Amino acid sequence: MRYEHVYFVNGTAYAGKSTLVKGLARKYNGIACEENYHNALLDELDPAEFPGLTYTRDLQDWHDFVRRTPDEYEAWIRRTSKECEILELRILDQLRYENKPIFVDTNISVETLREISDEKHVLIMLADPDISVNLFFNRPDREKQFLYRLMMEEKNPDQALENFRNCLRRINSPENYAAFLHAGFPVLLRDENRSIEETMILAESIFGLDSQND
């Protein structure tokens, strides 16, 4: 199955994926499937079928979340990514009949994207791997600050914080970055000197949206 009117944005954290998806959807009167849009289906999931996604849904003590080792964290991320892909495709199967372009901040793997889309409908956005580690708690969003407070409640807060940073380093490794970089899709690298408007223009050109406005 090919998704003809869907534009996928994948890549690393802090690369500007969510901002781009929202901006393009607003400009083209489209549908924005923003970060973690699969959460709309979270409440109905069976833990036996989706153990990764329901881990956080059913978690009794969130301190267990930040106490995991890098190996445990990486295994959870990989499992959860596969589960997210299943849910994303379910949602897109419903939305694809809408007479609007759909812009997706996606967890769908590059392997699957090669099967369901084409080069001009997929964009990879990348930030330096260290950014996700060093800036993770700089954002004021509620979830990140909640995790930070949990680590500060641990017996050894500094150790807990470094363990969690090691978890982030594992999933934001140079190897994962290189896999995205060489996936065969167009790539935009994070550039602090490039405005949001300039990033949108580049993305429009890659997606062929600029020609539709001629």
C-alpha atoms as a PDB file:
ATOM      1  CA  MET A   1       0.000   0.000   0.000  1.00  0.00           C
ATOM      2  CA  ARG A   2       1.377   3.430  -0.984  1.00  0.00           C
ATOM      3  CA  TYR A   3       0.453   6.628   0.802  1.00  0.00           C
ATOM      4  CA  GLU A   4       0.235   9.197  -1.973  1.00  0.00           C
ATOM      5  CA  HIS A   5      -0.835  12.284  -0.021  1.00  0.00           C
ATOM      6  CA  VAL A   6       1.164  11.651   3.135  1.00  0.00           C
ATOM      7  CA  TYR A   7       4.459  13.413   3.871  1.00  0.00           C
ATOM      8  CA  PHE A   8       6.636  11.691   6.450  1.00  0.00           C
ATOM      9  CA  VAL A   9       9.266  13.388   8.628  1.00  0.00           C
ATOM     10  CA  ASN A  10      11.572  11.100  10.601  1.00  0.00           C
ATOM     11  CA  GLY A  11      14.962  11.551  12.253  1.00  0.00           C
ATOM     12  CA  THR A  12      16.461  12.462  15.604  1.00  0.00           C
ATOM     13  CA  ALA A  13      15.220  14.541  18.507  1.00  0.00           C
ATOM     14  CA  TYR A  14      15.706  18.325  18.537  1.00  0.00           C
ATOM     15  CA  ALA A  15      15.910  18.492  14.747  1.00  0.00           C
ATOM     16  CA  GLY A  16      12.675  20.469  14.322  1.00  0.00           C
ATOM     17  CA  LYS A  17      10.343  17.713  13.100  1.00  0.00           C
ATOM     18  CA  SER A  18       7.287  18.736  15.117  1.00  0.00           C
ATOM     19  CA  THR A  19       7.620  22.413  14.250  1.00  0.00           C
ATOM     20  CA  LEU A  20       7.901  21.605  10.549  1.00  0.00           C
ATOM     21  CA  VAL A  21       4.912  19.246  10.526  1.00  0.00           C
ATOM     22  CA  LYS A  22       2.683  21.790  12.248  1.00  0.00           C
ATOM     23  CA  GLY A  23       3.848  24.599   9.980  1.00  0.00           C
ATOM     24  CA  LEU A  24       3.281  22.681   6.749  1.00  0.00           C
ATOM     25  CA  ALA A  25      -0.131  21.436   7.829  1.00  0.00           C
ATOM     26  CA  ARG A  26      -1.178  24.981   8.688  1.00  0.00           C
ATOM     27  CA  LYS A  27       0.103  26.411   5.388  1.00  0.00           C
ATOM     28  CA  TYR A  28      -1.443  23.724   3.177  1.00  0.00           C
ATOM     29  CA  ASN A  29      -4.680  23.280   5.137  1.00  0.00           C
ATOM     30  CA  GLY A  30      -3.591  19.737   5.871  1.00  0.00           C
ATOM     31  CA  ILE A  31      -3.651  17.315   8.763  1.00  0.00           C
ATOM     32  CA  ALA A  32      -0.798  17.374  11.275  1.00  0.00           C
ATOM     33  CA  CYS A  33       0.037  14.037  12.883  1.00  0.00           C
ATOM     34  CA  GLU A  34       2.279  15.437  15.558  1.00  0.00           C
ATOM     35  CA  GLU A  35       4.812  13.751  17.820  1.00  0.00           C
ATOM     36  CA  ASN A  36       3.409  10.616  19.471  1.00  0.00           C
ATOM     37  CA  TYR A  37       0.064  10.917  17.698  1.00  0.00           C
ATOM     38  CA  HIS A  38      -0.313   7.173  18.226  1.00  0.00           C
ATOM     39  CA  ASN A  39      -1.143   7.973  21.869  1.00  0.00           C
ATOM     40  CA  ALA A  40      -4.736   8.468  20.714  1.00  0.00           C
ATOM     41  CA  LEU A  41      -5.022   4.659  20.743  1.00  0.00           C
ATOM     42  CA  LEU A  42      -3.085   4.045  23.960  1.00  0.00           C
ATOM     43  CA  ASP A  43      -6.021   3.413  26.303  1.00  0.00           C
ATOM     44  CA  GLU A  44      -7.377   0.512  24.244  1.00  0.00           C
ATOM     45  CA  LEU A  45      -4.124  -1.431  23.898  1.00  0.00           C
ATOM     46  CA  ASP A  46      -3.686  -5.001  25.150  1.00  0.00           C
ATOM     47  CA  PRO A  47      -0.482  -5.341  27.235  1.00  0.00           C
ATOM     48  CA  ALA A  48       0.134  -8.779  25.751  1.00  0.00           C
ATOM     49  CA  GLU A  49       0.215  -7.306  22.243  1.00  0.00           C
ATOM     50  CA  PHE A  50       1.816  -3.955  23.084  1.00  0.00           C
ATOM     51  CA  PRO A  51       4.075  -4.469  26.132  1.00  0.00           C
ATOM     52  CA  GLY A  52       6.284  -1.509  25.259  1.00  0.00           C
ATOM     53  CA  LEU A  53       3.589   1.144  24.973  1.00  0.00           C
ATOM     54  CA  THR A  54       1.559  -0.163  27.902  1.00  0.00           C
ATOM     55  CA  TYR A  55       4.647  -0.190  30.135  1.00  0.00           C
ATOM     56  CA  THR A  56       4.259   3.527  30.789  1.00  0.00           C
ATOM     57  CA  ARG A  57       0.471   3.410  30.712  1.00  0.00           C
ATOM     58  CA  ASP A  58       0.338   0.834  33.505  1.00  0.00           C
ATOM     59  CA  LEU A  59       3.452   1.904  35.429  1.00  0.00           C
ATOM     60  CA  GLN A  60       2.832   2.006  39.182  1.00  0.00           C
ATOM     61  CA  ASP A  61       6.073   3.650  40.311  1.00  0.00           C
ATOM     62  CA  TRP A  62       7.648   6.017  37.807  1.00  0.00           C
ATOM     63  CA  HIS A  63      10.958   5.809  39.634  1.00  0.00           C
ATOM     64  CA  ASP A  64      11.329   2.420  37.941  1.00  0.00           C
ATOM     65  CA  PHE A  65      11.321   4.229  34.604  1.00  0.00           C
ATOM     66  CA  VAL A  66      14.450   6.235  35.398  1.00  0.00           C
ATOM     67  CA  ARG A  67      16.236   3.375  37.170  1.00  0.00           C
ATOM     68  CA  ARG A  68      16.537   1.194  34.089  1.00  0.00           C
ATOM     69  CA  THR A  69      19.955   0.420  32.665  1.00  0.00           C
ATOM     70  CA  PRO A  70      20.963   1.635  29.198  1.00  0.00           C
ATOM     71  CA  ASP A  71      20.492  -1.932  27.904  1.00  0.00           C
ATOM     72  CA  GLU A  72      16.960  -2.078  29.309  1.00  0.00           C
ATOM     73  CA  TYR A  73      16.129   1.384  28.030  1.00  0.00           C
ATOM     74  CA  GLU A  74      17.395   0.668  24.522  1.00  0.00           C
ATOM     75  CA  ALA A  75      15.460  -2.616  24.350  1.00  0.00           C
ATOM     76  CA  TRP A  76      12.290  -0.793  25.429  1.00  0.00           C
ATOM     77  CA  ILE A  77      12.802   1.963  22.851  1.00  0.00           C
ATOM     78  CA  ARG A  78      13.304  -0.546  20.034  1.00  0.00           C
ATOM     79  CA  ARG A  79      10.244  -2.569  21.030  1.00  0.00           C
ATOM     80  CA  THR A  80       8.105   0.525  21.486  1.00  0.00           C
ATOM     81  CA  SER A  81       9.147   1.960  18.115  1.00  0.00           C
ATOM     82  CA  LYS A  82       7.875  -1.167  16.389  1.00  0.00           C
ATOM     83  CA  GLU A  83       4.599  -0.950  18.277  1.00  0.00           C
ATOM     84  CA  CYS A  84       4.248   2.753  17.435  1.00  0.00           C
ATOM     85  CA  GLU A  85       4.651   1.901  13.768  1.00  0.00           C
ATOM     86  CA  ILE A  86       1.713  -0.495  13.926  1.00  0.00           C
ATOM     87  CA  LEU A  87      -0.526   2.149  15.483  1.00  0.00           C
ATOM     88  CA  GLU A  88       0.620   4.917  13.177  1.00  0.00           C
ATOM     89  CA  LEU A  89      -0.237   2.851  10.133  1.00  0.00           C
ATOM     90  CA  ARG A  90      -3.662   2.091  11.584  1.00  0.00           C
ATOM     91  CA  ILE A  91      -4.344   5.799  11.993  1.00  0.00           C
ATOM     92  CA  LEU A  92      -2.994   6.675   8.556  1.00  0.00           C
ATOM     93  CA  ASP A  93      -5.161   3.986   6.974  1.00  0.00           C
ATOM     94  CA  GLN A  94      -8.156   5.896   8.332  1.00  0.00           C
ATOM     95  CA  LEU A  95      -6.871   9.362   7.426  1.00  0.00           C
ATOM     96  CA  ARG A  96      -5.691   8.556   3.900  1.00  0.00           C
ATOM     97  CA  TYR A  97      -9.237   8.951   2.559  1.00  0.00           C
ATOM     98  CA  GLU A  98      -9.365  12.565   3.694  1.00  0.00           C
ATOM     99  CA  ASN A  99      -9.040  14.981   0.806  1.00  0.00           C
ATOM    100  CA  LYS A 100      -6.170  16.788   2.476  1.00  0.00           C
ATOM    101  CA  PRO A 101      -2.376  16.419   2.629  1.00  0.00           C
ATOM    102  CA  ILE A 102      -1.159  14.679   5.775  1.00  0.00           C
ATOM    103  CA  PHE A 103       2.104  15.670   7.453  1.00  0.00           C
ATOM    104  CA  VAL A 104       3.507  13.122   9.884  1.00  0.00           C
ATOM    105  CA  ASP A 105       6.129  13.342  12.635  1.00  0.00           C
ATOM    106  CA  THR A 106       6.719   9.631  12.456  1.00  0.00           C
ATOM    107  CA  ASN A 107       8.239   6.654  14.252  1.00  0.00           C
ATOM    108  CA  ILE A 108       7.815   4.491  11.155  1.00  0.00           C
ATOM    109  CA  SER A 109      11.145   2.896  10.289  1.00  0.00           C
ATOM    110  CA  VAL A 110      13.041   3.856   7.146  1.00  0.00           C
ATOM    111  CA  GLU A 111      12.702   0.248   5.985  1.00  0.00           C
ATOM    112  CA  THR A 112       8.916   0.466   6.097  1.00  0.00           C
ATOM    113  CA  LEU A 113       8.913   3.959   4.611  1.00  0.00           C
ATOM    114  CA  ARG A 114      10.685   2.598   1.537  1.00  0.00           C
ATOM    115  CA  GLU A 115       7.770   0.199   1.070  1.00  0.00           C
ATOM    116  CA  ILE A 116       4.872   2.588   1.655  1.00  0.00           C
ATOM    117  CA  SER A 117       6.167   5.861   0.263  1.00  0.00           C
ATOM    118  CA  ASP A 118       8.646   7.290  -2.191  1.00  0.00           C
ATOM    119  CA  GLU A 119      11.727   9.462  -1.885  1.00  0.00           C
ATOM    120  CA  LYS A 120       9.869  12.730  -2.420  1.00  0.00           C
ATOM    121  CA  HIS A 121       7.440  12.073   0.413  1.00  0.00           C
ATOM    122  CA  VAL A 122       9.990  11.313   3.132  1.00  0.00           C
ATOM    123  CA  LEU A 123      12.318  13.765   4.861  1.00  0.00           C
ATOM    124  CA  ILE A 124      14.964  12.918   7.447  1.00  0.00           C
ATOM    125  CA  MET A 125      15.793  15.686   9.934  1.00  0.00           C
ATOM    126  CA  LEU A 126      18.903  15.302  12.071  1.00  0.00           C
ATOM    127  CA  ALA A 127      20.473  17.056  15.030  1.00  0.00           C
ATOM    128  CA  ASP A 128      23.876  16.294  16.503  1.00  0.00           C
ATOM    129  CA  PRO A 129      23.538  13.205  18.760  1.00  0.00           C
ATOM    130  CA  ASP A 130      24.948  15.112  21.740  1.00  0.00           C
ATOM    131  CA  ILE A 131      22.150  17.680  21.612  1.00  0.00           C
ATOM    132  CA  SER A 132      19.508  15.186  22.717  1.00  0.00           C
ATOM    133  CA  VAL A 133      21.621  14.283  25.730  1.00  0.00           C
ATOM    134  CA  ASN A 134      22.798  17.736  26.747  1.00  0.00           C
ATOM    135  CA  LEU A 135      19.535  19.616  26.176  1.00  0.00           C
ATOM    136  CA  PHE A 136      17.016  16.985  27.248  1.00  0.00           C
ATOM    137  CA  PHE A 137      16.084  18.718  30.508  1.00  0.00           C
ATOM    138  CA  ASN A 138      16.415  22.259  29.163  1.00  0.00           C
ATOM    139  CA  ARG A 139      12.958  22.228  27.672  1.00  0.00           C
ATOM    140  CA  PRO A 140      10.206  23.319  30.065  1.00  0.00           C
ATOM    141  CA  ASP A 141       7.688  20.682  28.954  1.00  0.00           C
ATOM    142  CA  ARG A 142       5.941  18.866  31.756  1.00  0.00           C
ATOM    143  CA  GLU A 143       7.094  15.312  30.983  1.00  0.00           C
ATOM    144  CA  LYS A 144      10.811  16.095  30.949  1.00  0.00           C
ATOM    145  CA  GLN A 145      10.615  18.125  34.142  1.00  0.00           C
ATOM    146  CA  PHE A 146       8.651  15.320  35.787  1.00  0.00           C
ATOM    147  CA  LEU A 147      11.440  12.843  34.970  1.00  0.00           C
ATOM    148  CA  TYR A 148      14.048  15.275  36.268  1.00  0.00           C
ATOM    149  CA  ARG A 149      12.209  15.581  39.590  1.00  0.00           C
ATOM    150  CA  LEU A 150      12.099  11.795  39.874  1.00  0.00           C
ATOM    151  CA  MET A 151      15.859  11.579  39.518  1.00  0.00           C
ATOM    152  CA  MET A 152      16.369  14.317  42.088  1.00  0.00           C
ATOM    153  CA  GLU A 153      14.347  12.162  44.528  1.00  0.00           C
ATOM    154  CA  GLU A 154      16.749   9.207  44.152  1.00  0.00           C
ATOM    155  CA  LYS A 155      19.270   8.428  46.904  1.00  0.00           C
ATOM    156  CA  ASN A 156      22.069   9.506  44.587  1.00  0.00           C
ATOM    157  CA  PRO A 157      20.606  12.112  42.224  1.00  0.00           C
ATOM    158  CA  ASP A 158      23.857  12.679  40.322  1.00  0.00           C
ATOM    159  CA  GLN A 159      24.221   8.976  39.655  1.00  0.00           C
ATOM    160  CA  ALA A 160      20.582   8.693  38.602  1.00  0.00           C
ATOM    161  CA  LEU A 161      20.972  11.634  36.228  1.00  0.00           C
ATOM    162  CA  GLU A 162      24.132  10.215  34.663  1.00  0.00           C
ATOM    163  CA  ASN A 163      22.492   6.803  34.243  1.00  0.00           C
ATOM    164  CA  PHE A 164      19.575   8.379  32.405  1.00  0.00           C
ATOM    165  CA  ARG A 165      21.935  10.386  30.221  1.00  0.00           C
ATOM    166  CA  ASN A 166      23.701   7.144  29.352  1.00  0.00           C
ATOM    167  CA  CYS A 167      20.323   5.756  28.303  1.00  0.00           C
ATOM    168  CA  LEU A 168      19.834   8.761  26.043  1.00  0.00           C
ATOM    169  CA  ARG A 169      23.337   8.377  24.625  1.00  0.00           C
ATOM    170  CA  ARG A 170      22.554   4.805  23.714  1.00  0.00           C
ATOM    171  CA  ILE A 171      19.529   5.664  21.577  1.00  0.00           C
ATOM    172  CA  ASN A 172      21.112   8.830  20.187  1.00  0.00           C
ATOM    173  CA  SER A 173      24.306   7.096  19.199  1.00  0.00           C
ATOM    174  CA  PRO A 174      26.482   8.069  16.205  1.00  0.00           C
ATOM    175  CA  GLU A 175      25.521   4.701  14.698  1.00  0.00           C
ATOM    176  CA  ASN A 176      21.802   5.510  14.784  1.00  0.00           C
ATOM    177  CA  TYR A 177      22.542   8.968  13.384  1.00  0.00           C
ATOM    178  CA  ALA A 178      24.528   7.443  10.509  1.00  0.00           C
ATOM    179  CA  ALA A 179      21.738   4.974   9.760  1.00  0.00           C
ATOM    180  CA  PHE A 180      19.316   7.877   9.243  1.00  0.00           C
ATOM    181  CA  LEU A 181      21.883   9.899   7.310  1.00  0.00           C
ATOM    182  CA  HIS A 182      22.511   7.100   4.817  1.00  0.00           C
ATOM    183  CA  ALA A 183      18.939   5.775   4.589  1.00  0.00           C
ATOM    184  CA  GLY A 184      18.552   7.027   1.025  1.00  0.00           C
ATOM    185  CA  PHE A 185      16.047   9.811   1.755  1.00  0.00           C
ATOM    186  CA  PRO A 186      16.580  13.594   1.598  1.00  0.00           C
ATOM    187  CA  VAL A 187      18.184  14.959   4.771  1.00  0.00           C
ATOM    188  CA  LEU A 188      18.020  18.310   6.546  1.00  0.00           C
ATOM    189  CA  LEU A 189      20.603  18.926   9.253  1.00  0.00           C
ATOM    190  CA  ARG A 190      19.821  21.169  12.207  1.00  0.00           C
ATOM    191  CA  ASP A 191      21.168  24.655  11.565  1.00  0.00           C
ATOM    192  CA  GLU A 192      20.895  27.294  14.285  1.00  0.00           C
ATOM    193  CA  ASN A 193      21.335  30.013  11.674  1.00  0.00           C
ATOM    194  CA  ARG A 194      18.397  28.823   9.559  1.00  0.00           C
ATOM    195  CA  SER A 195      14.950  30.201  10.336  1.00  0.00           C
ATOM    196  CA  ILE A 196      11.787  28.141  10.602  1.00  0.00           C
ATOM    197  CA  GLU A 197      10.545  29.798   7.413  1.00  0.00           C
ATOM    198  CA  GLU A 198      13.731  28.819   5.565  1.00  0.00           C
ATOM    199  CA  THR A 199      13.431  25.240   6.804  1.00  0.00           C
ATOM    200  CA  MET A 200       9.856  25.103   5.532  1.00  0.00           C
ATOM    201  CA  ILE A 201      10.954  26.339   2.105  1.00  0.00           C
ATOM    202  CA  LEU A 202      13.590  23.597   1.912  1.00  0.00           C
ATOM    203  CA  ALA A 203      11.076  20.956   2.975  1.00  0.00           C
ATOM    204  CA  GLU A 204       8.509  22.224   0.456  1.00  0.00           C
ATOM    205  CA  SER A 205      11.081  21.871  -2.298  1.00  0.00           C
ATOM    206  CA  ILE A 206      11.944  18.321  -1.239  1.00  0.00           C
ATOM    207  CA  PHE A 207       8.275  17.335  -1.057  1.00  0.00           C
ATOM    208  CA  GLY A 208       7.464  19.055  -4.347  1.00  0.00           C
ATOM    209  CA  LEU A 209       4.947  21.275  -2.602  1.00  0.00           C
ATOM    210  CA  ASP A 210       6.489  24.457  -3.963  1.00  0.00           C
ATOM    211  CA  SER A 211       5.674  23.417  -7.525  1.00  0.00           C
ATOM    212  CA  GLN A 212       2.034  22.859  -6.569  1.00  0.00           C
ATOM    213  CA  ASN A 213       1.745  26.556  -5.733  1.00  0.00           C
ATOM    214  CA  ASP A 214       3.041  27.717  -9.127  1.00  0.00           C
END
